[in-house]
Protein backbone atom coordinates (compact mmCIF):
# COMPACT_ATOMS: atom_id res chain seq x y z
CA TYR A 1 0.00 0.00 0.00
CA SER A 2 3.11 2.12 -0.45
CA ASN A 3 3.33 5.33 1.62
CA PHE A 4 -0.42 5.80 1.90
CA ILE A 5 -1.72 5.31 5.45
CA ASP A 6 -5.44 4.81 6.06
CA ASP A 7 -5.33 3.38 9.59
CA LEU A 8 -3.51 4.73 12.64
CA ARG A 9 -3.57 3.52 16.24
CA VAL A 10 -3.04 6.27 18.84
CA TYR A 11 -3.07 6.63 22.61
CA VAL A 12 -5.06 9.52 24.09
CA ARG A 13 -5.25 10.70 27.71
CA GLY A 14 -7.20 13.54 29.25
CA GLY A 15 -5.33 15.77 31.67
CA THR A 16 -5.39 15.16 35.43
CA GLY A 17 -7.38 17.67 37.50
CA GLY A 18 -5.70 20.17 39.82
CA MET A 19 -5.44 19.80 43.60
CA GLY A 20 -8.18 21.33 45.74
CA TYR A 21 -7.49 23.70 48.68
CA PRO A 22 -9.03 22.11 51.82
CA HIS A 23 -8.71 25.10 54.18
CA LEU A 24 -10.78 27.43 52.02
CA GLY A 25 -12.81 24.88 50.07
CA GLY A 26 -11.04 25.73 46.84
CA GLU A 27 -11.57 23.57 43.69
CA GLY A 28 -8.74 22.48 41.45
CA GLY A 29 -9.08 23.09 37.70
CA ARG A 30 -10.37 20.34 35.44
CA GLY A 31 -7.86 18.51 33.29
CA GLY A 32 -7.71 19.39 29.60
CA ASP A 33 -9.55 17.32 26.96
CA VAL A 34 -8.17 15.57 23.88
CA TRP A 35 -10.02 16.46 20.67
CA PHE A 36 -9.83 15.19 17.10
CA VAL A 37 -10.57 18.05 14.68
CA ALA A 38 -11.22 17.44 10.96
CA ARG A 39 -9.12 19.63 8.68
CA GLU A 40 -8.55 19.65 4.93
CA ARG A 41 -5.10 18.92 3.49
CA THR A 42 -4.17 16.76 6.48
CA THR A 43 -3.07 13.12 6.25
CA LEU A 44 -2.58 10.29 8.73
CA LYS A 45 0.95 10.00 7.41
CA SER A 46 1.73 13.58 8.49
CA ILE A 47 0.37 12.82 11.98
CA ARG A 48 2.60 9.76 12.27
CA GLU A 49 5.65 11.71 11.10
CA LYS A 50 4.99 14.67 13.41
CA TYR A 51 4.12 12.51 16.44
CA PRO A 52 6.09 9.25 16.06
CA HIS A 53 5.13 8.07 19.57
CA LYS A 54 1.43 8.50 18.68
CA ARG A 55 0.64 9.59 22.26
CA PHE A 56 -1.55 12.61 22.95
CA VAL A 57 -1.93 13.91 26.50
CA ALA A 58 -3.86 17.03 27.52
CA GLY A 59 -2.67 19.54 30.12
CA THR A 60 -3.11 19.19 33.88
CA GLY A 61 -5.61 21.47 35.64
CA ALA A 62 -4.21 24.23 37.85
CA ASN A 63 -4.15 23.70 41.63
CA SER A 64 -6.43 25.75 43.82
CA SER A 65 -4.59 28.37 45.88
CA VAL A 66 -5.22 31.37 48.10
CA LYS A 67 -4.80 33.65 45.06
CA ALA A 68 -7.11 31.55 42.82
CA LEU A 69 -9.53 29.31 44.72
CA LYS A 70 -10.94 28.02 41.41
CA GLY A 71 -8.04 26.53 39.49
CA GLU A 72 -7.84 27.06 35.73
CA LYS A 73 -8.73 24.24 33.35
CA GLY A 74 -5.80 22.36 31.82
CA LYS A 75 -4.84 23.03 28.20
CA ASP A 76 -6.80 21.01 25.63
CA CYS A 77 -4.92 18.87 23.13
CA GLU A 78 -6.19 19.18 19.53
CA ILE A 79 -5.16 16.69 16.84
CA HIS A 80 -5.92 17.67 13.25
CA VAL A 81 -7.14 14.66 11.25
CA PRO A 82 -8.22 14.28 7.60
CA LEU A 83 -11.85 14.32 6.48
CA GLY A 84 -13.47 10.88 6.31
CA ILE A 85 -12.14 9.57 9.63
CA SER A 86 -14.00 6.96 11.66
CA VAL A 87 -12.88 6.70 15.30
CA LEU A 88 -12.91 3.12 16.58
CA ASP A 89 -12.21 1.79 20.08
CA ASP A 90 -9.91 -1.16 20.71
CA ASP A 91 -12.80 -3.59 20.17
CA GLY A 92 -13.42 -2.20 16.67
CA LYS A 93 -16.64 -0.43 17.66
CA GLN A 94 -17.19 2.95 15.98
CA ILE A 95 -17.43 5.74 18.55
CA GLY A 96 -17.18 8.78 16.30
CA GLU A 97 -17.00 10.10 12.75
CA LEU A 98 -15.53 13.24 11.17
CA ASN A 99 -16.63 14.01 7.62
CA ALA A 100 -16.62 17.80 7.28
CA ALA A 101 -13.94 20.41 7.95
CA GLY A 102 -14.22 21.80 11.49
CA GLU A 103 -16.08 18.80 12.96
CA ARG A 104 -14.77 17.80 16.40
CA PHE A 105 -14.77 14.60 18.41
CA LEU A 106 -13.97 14.37 22.14
CA ALA A 107 -11.47 11.51 22.31
CA ALA A 108 -10.57 11.71 26.02
CA ARG A 109 -12.17 13.84 28.75
CA GLY A 110 -10.04 15.53 31.37
CA GLY A 111 -10.32 14.54 35.05
CA LEU A 112 -12.20 16.62 37.64
CA GLY A 113 -10.27 18.92 39.91
CA GLY A 114 -10.04 18.26 43.63
CA SER A 115 -13.08 19.44 45.59
CA LEU A 116 -15.07 18.70 48.73
CA ALA A 117 -16.76 15.80 46.90
CA THR A 118 -13.39 14.14 46.18
CA ASN A 119 -11.76 15.03 49.49
CA PHE A 120 -9.90 17.75 47.54
CA LEU A 121 -7.94 15.11 45.61
CA PRO A 122 -7.90 15.42 41.80
CA CYS A 123 -9.18 12.75 39.39
CA LYS A 124 -7.20 11.32 36.52
CA GLY A 125 -8.33 11.96 32.95
CA GLN A 126 -9.89 9.39 30.64
CA ARG A 127 -7.33 7.25 28.83
CA ARG A 128 -7.70 4.83 25.94
CA THR A 129 -6.26 3.58 22.68
CA VAL A 130 -8.26 4.39 19.55
CA HIS A 131 -7.97 3.61 15.84
CA LEU A 132 -8.29 6.35 13.24
CA ASP A 133 -9.75 4.65 10.16
CA LEU A 134 -9.73 6.72 6.96
CA LYS A 135 -12.30 6.22 4.19
CA LEU A 136 -11.77 8.57 1.28
CA ILE A 137 -14.58 11.01 0.54
CA ALA A 138 -15.17 11.58 -3.19
CA ASP A 139 -18.07 12.23 -5.54
CA ILE A 140 -17.08 9.37 -7.86
CA GLY A 141 -15.26 6.13 -7.04
CA LEU A 142 -13.59 4.27 -9.93
CA VAL A 143 -14.22 0.54 -9.61
CA GLY A 144 -12.57 -2.04 -11.86
CA PHE A 145 -10.23 -4.97 -12.16
CA PRO A 146 -6.48 -4.28 -12.62
CA ASN A 147 -5.41 -2.92 -16.02
CA ALA A 148 -8.93 -1.76 -16.93
CA GLY A 149 -7.56 1.75 -17.49
CA LYS A 150 -8.75 3.53 -14.34
CA SER A 151 -5.49 5.44 -13.83
CA SER A 152 -5.36 6.45 -17.52
CA LEU A 153 -8.97 7.63 -17.26
CA LEU A 154 -8.25 9.70 -14.15
CA SER A 155 -5.31 11.37 -15.89
CA LYS A 156 -7.56 12.20 -18.88
CA ILE A 157 -10.48 13.70 -16.98
CA SER A 158 -8.58 15.48 -14.18
CA HIS A 159 -5.25 17.07 -13.30
CA ALA A 160 -4.14 14.02 -11.30
CA LYS A 161 -0.96 12.27 -12.48
CA PRO A 162 -1.22 8.66 -11.31
CA GLU A 163 1.39 6.07 -12.30
CA ILE A 164 0.38 4.28 -15.51
CA ALA A 165 1.84 1.11 -17.02
CA ASN A 166 0.74 -1.88 -19.11
CA TYR A 167 0.70 -4.37 -16.23
CA ALA A 168 -1.74 -5.17 -13.46
CA PHE A 169 -1.66 -3.41 -10.07
CA THR A 170 -0.05 -0.17 -11.19
CA THR A 171 -2.22 1.62 -8.62
CA ILE A 172 -1.01 0.59 -5.18
CA GLN A 173 -2.48 3.54 -3.32
CA PRO A 174 -5.64 5.63 -3.79
CA GLU A 175 -5.36 8.67 -6.06
CA LEU A 176 -7.69 11.66 -5.91
CA GLY A 177 -8.37 13.92 -8.86
CA LYS A 178 -10.82 16.75 -9.62
CA ILE A 179 -12.74 17.26 -12.83
CA MET A 180 -12.90 21.01 -13.55
CA TYR A 181 -15.82 22.33 -15.60
CA PRO A 182 -15.99 25.68 -17.48
CA ASP A 183 -18.48 27.07 -14.91
CA TYR A 184 -15.98 26.25 -12.11
CA LYS A 185 -17.97 23.26 -10.85
CA GLN A 186 -15.63 20.58 -9.48
CA ILE A 187 -16.24 16.84 -9.11
CA SER A 188 -13.79 14.75 -7.10
CA VAL A 189 -12.85 11.32 -8.43
CA ALA A 190 -11.04 8.57 -6.50
CA ASP A 191 -8.99 6.01 -8.40
CA LEU A 192 -8.72 3.06 -6.04
CA PRO A 193 -6.48 -0.03 -6.15
CA GLY A 194 -7.80 -2.70 -8.52
CA LEU A 195 -10.13 -5.37 -7.23
CA ILE A 196 -9.55 -9.06 -7.85
CA GLU A 197 -11.88 -12.02 -7.45
CA GLY A 198 -12.13 -12.73 -3.73
CA ALA A 199 -11.47 -9.13 -2.64
CA HIS A 200 -14.50 -9.27 -0.29
CA ALA A 201 -12.60 -11.98 1.65
CA ASN A 202 -9.58 -9.62 1.80
CA ARG A 203 -7.68 -11.21 -1.08
CA GLY A 204 -5.27 -8.88 -2.83
CA MET A 205 -5.88 -5.41 -1.42
CA GLY A 206 -9.36 -6.55 -0.40
CA HIS A 207 -10.82 -4.44 2.36
CA LYS A 208 -8.17 -1.74 1.94
CA PHE A 209 -9.80 -0.98 -1.41
CA LEU A 210 -13.43 -1.71 -0.67
CA LYS A 211 -13.74 0.44 2.44
CA HIS A 212 -12.90 3.55 0.39
CA VAL A 213 -15.89 2.90 -1.89
CA GLU A 214 -18.23 3.38 1.10
CA ARG A 215 -17.93 7.16 1.24
CA THR A 216 -18.14 7.90 -2.48
CA LYS A 217 -21.47 9.29 -3.68
CA GLN A 218 -21.52 7.32 -6.94
CA LEU A 219 -19.68 4.44 -8.60
CA LEU A 220 -18.08 4.45 -12.03
CA LEU A 221 -17.29 0.92 -13.15
CA VAL A 222 -14.43 0.83 -15.67
CA VAL A 223 -14.35 -2.32 -17.81
CA ASP A 224 -11.99 -3.47 -20.57
CA ILE A 225 -14.14 -4.26 -23.64
CA SER A 226 -11.80 -7.12 -24.59
CA GLY A 227 -12.22 -8.82 -21.20
CA PHE A 228 -9.84 -9.49 -18.33
CA GLN A 229 -7.39 -12.16 -17.19
CA LEU A 230 -5.22 -11.54 -14.13
CA SER A 231 -2.63 -14.19 -15.05
CA ILE A 232 -2.26 -17.36 -17.11
CA LYS A 233 -3.31 -19.32 -14.02
CA THR A 234 -6.67 -17.54 -13.73
CA GLN A 235 -9.74 -17.80 -15.93
CA PHE A 236 -10.40 -15.33 -18.73
CA ARG A 237 -13.49 -13.16 -18.13
CA THR A 238 -15.48 -11.32 -20.78
CA ALA A 239 -16.58 -7.71 -20.22
CA PHE A 240 -20.06 -8.89 -19.17
CA GLU A 241 -18.63 -11.45 -16.73
CA THR A 242 -16.30 -8.77 -15.36
CA ILE A 243 -19.26 -6.49 -14.58
CA LEU A 244 -21.06 -9.33 -12.77
CA LEU A 245 -17.94 -10.24 -10.78
CA LEU A 246 -17.32 -6.62 -9.75
CA THR A 247 -20.96 -6.40 -8.66
CA LYS A 248 -20.59 -9.65 -6.67
CA GLU A 249 -17.48 -8.39 -4.85
CA LEU A 250 -19.26 -5.16 -3.87
CA GLU A 251 -22.34 -7.10 -2.76
CA LEU A 252 -20.38 -9.57 -0.62
CA TYR A 253 -18.43 -6.78 1.07
CA LYS A 254 -21.45 -4.56 1.83
CA GLU A 255 -24.83 -4.89 0.11
CA GLU A 256 -25.63 -1.18 0.57
CA LEU A 257 -22.92 -0.33 -1.98
CA LEU A 258 -25.24 -1.55 -4.73
CA THR A 259 -27.79 1.13 -3.79
CA LYS A 260 -25.38 3.86 -4.91
CA PRO A 261 -26.00 5.42 -8.33
CA ALA A 262 -23.67 3.77 -10.86
CA LEU A 263 -22.34 4.49 -14.33
CA LEU A 264 -20.39 2.22 -16.66
CA ALA A 265 -17.38 3.23 -18.76
CA ILE A 266 -16.41 0.64 -21.37
CA ASN A 267 -12.74 1.29 -22.10
CA LYS A 268 -10.28 0.41 -24.90
CA MET A 269 -12.73 1.00 -27.73
CA ASP A 270 -9.70 1.61 -30.01
CA LEU A 271 -8.90 -2.14 -30.00
CA PRO A 272 -9.80 -4.40 -32.97
CA CYS A 273 -13.23 -6.11 -32.67
CA ALA A 274 -14.23 -3.55 -29.96
CA LYS A 275 -17.40 -2.56 -31.85
CA ASP A 276 -18.55 -6.20 -32.17
CA ASN A 277 -17.77 -6.84 -28.51
CA LEU A 278 -19.70 -3.72 -27.55
CA ASP A 279 -22.80 -4.82 -29.50
CA GLU A 280 -22.68 -8.19 -27.74
CA LEU A 281 -22.19 -6.55 -24.32
CA MET A 282 -25.11 -4.14 -24.80
CA THR A 283 -27.37 -7.08 -25.67
CA GLN A 284 -26.25 -8.87 -22.51
CA LEU A 285 -26.80 -5.78 -20.36
CA GLU A 286 -30.33 -5.32 -21.69
CA ASN A 287 -31.33 -8.83 -20.57
CA PRO A 288 -28.72 -9.93 -17.99
CA GLN A 289 -30.90 -12.79 -16.69
CA ASP A 290 -30.56 -14.59 -20.04
CA PHE A 291 -26.77 -14.74 -19.75
CA LEU A 292 -26.18 -15.54 -16.06
CA HIS A 293 -25.44 -19.16 -17.02
CA LEU A 294 -22.04 -17.97 -18.30
CA LEU A 295 -20.82 -17.74 -14.69
CA GLU A 296 -20.57 -20.30 -11.90
CA GLU A 297 -23.59 -20.09 -9.60
CA GLU A 298 -21.63 -18.86 -6.56
CA MET A 299 -20.27 -15.94 -8.61
CA ILE A 300 -23.66 -14.61 -9.71
CA PRO A 301 -24.74 -11.51 -7.72
CA ALA A 302 -28.19 -11.54 -6.09
CA ASN A 303 -28.85 -8.08 -7.56
CA THR A 304 -27.45 -6.57 -10.74
CA LEU A 305 -26.42 -2.92 -10.92
CA GLU A 306 -28.69 -0.53 -12.80
CA PHE A 307 -26.43 1.83 -14.74
CA ARG A 308 -27.59 5.41 -15.24
CA GLU A 309 -25.37 5.70 -18.31
CA VAL A 310 -23.20 3.34 -20.36
CA ILE A 311 -20.40 5.24 -22.12
CA PRO A 312 -17.92 3.64 -24.56
CA ILE A 313 -14.52 5.36 -24.23
CA SER A 314 -10.88 5.07 -25.20
CA THR A 315 -8.30 6.65 -22.92
CA TYR A 316 -5.78 6.11 -25.74
CA THR A 317 -7.58 8.11 -28.46
CA GLY A 318 -9.76 10.28 -26.19
CA GLU A 319 -12.99 8.90 -27.64
CA GLY A 320 -16.00 9.44 -25.35
CA ILE A 321 -14.03 11.28 -22.62
CA GLU A 322 -15.95 14.56 -22.94
CA GLU A 323 -19.26 12.67 -23.07
CA LEU A 324 -18.27 10.80 -19.91
CA LYS A 325 -17.46 14.06 -18.09
CA THR A 326 -20.86 15.45 -19.12
CA CYS A 327 -22.65 12.29 -17.91
CA LEU A 328 -20.83 12.39 -14.56
CA ARG A 329 -21.80 16.04 -14.06
CA LYS A 330 -25.43 15.31 -14.97
CA SER A 331 -25.61 12.31 -12.64
CA ILE A 332 -24.10 14.19 -9.68
CA ASP A 333 -26.45 17.16 -10.25
CA GLU A 334 -29.48 14.85 -10.44
CA GLN A 335 -28.47 13.12 -7.21
CA ALA A 336 -28.06 16.49 -5.45
CA GLU A 337 -31.53 17.50 -6.68
CA GLU A 338 -33.00 14.21 -5.39
CA VAL A 339 -31.39 14.77 -1.98
CA ASN A 340 -32.74 18.35 -1.85
CA GLU A 341 -36.22 17.14 -2.84
CA ASP A 342 -36.18 14.51 -0.06
CA TYR A 343 -35.06 17.18 2.42
CA ARG A 344 -37.89 19.53 1.33
CA LYS A 345 -40.46 16.74 1.70
CA LYS A 346 -39.23 15.89 5.20
CA LYS A 347 -39.34 19.54 6.29
CA LEU A 348 -42.85 19.89 4.88
CA LEU A 349 -43.97 16.74 6.69
CA LEU A 350 -42.50 18.03 9.96
CA LEU A 351 -44.34 21.34 9.57
CA GLN A 352 -47.63 19.55 8.85
CA THR A 353 -47.31 17.22 11.85
CA SER A 354 -46.32 20.08 14.18
CA LYS A 355 -49.47 21.99 13.15
């Protein structure tokens, strides 16, 4: 997974409270808190490099004294984390989530200062080990088997410069790019490491890839029109079989992924026989149930993806690239309108019920 880090285990401890002052009933200051704060242009790698010990401790509360009977609160500790972070406890249970810039999560609360209730002795702060689990946030997630041309596509539609080569698994870490439109609208696209059969069971890059699909708004499946074969030891798959297998991997990992809006880019249309293969594929996509016998029963998904658009492209010649960008923009705008419409309906329903 190269230098990209999407999981970090850290120790957090709230500050200890300050001592109370028994003679005058003074209260010690509360210990500082440890906060995770979402910030753009931050990475887990930068956190690990800046804090190699991965320990974060907040300040101790001030002791009560004759001059200040109420001790000051200890200094809070703020850790800037990237957007798309899930905070998990040591048992793997999610205890928090940070998806927008400025969102905060209280990771460890400071201890109470000494007071009459505690016999003027301070309390220690909360302490625990937590996992910061990153899932990339993007409008579009590119999904496809290795060598389907996802990296080439990203370089064509955005300013990203991913590594490109004519062998499988060129992409060993997620790449983010932005499509820029003439009216300054931007759509973020994530090129994610290639899936292989069995990825849902953590084969290959397995879960390291699939978890990043969760936070994308829409899926763009990229399929080689000539089919796919990982190696001479594995079975050759046609474009139609590839689509079914990709769908199956998504379904086995998390069924909800199939509810996301999806588009299909059929790549390498510059190859010989591409037009004939495309005609055959379109026939199969129109009536997928008639062709499920081509795959082994355990590889057939329970539900097939409904594609909003099917766009033939060639990242080599540039064919269909502009049309694809237009379709992505249209699909994202339609989804935003659907979300707004749902929100308006809910607000209206709330107003009606409150009356």
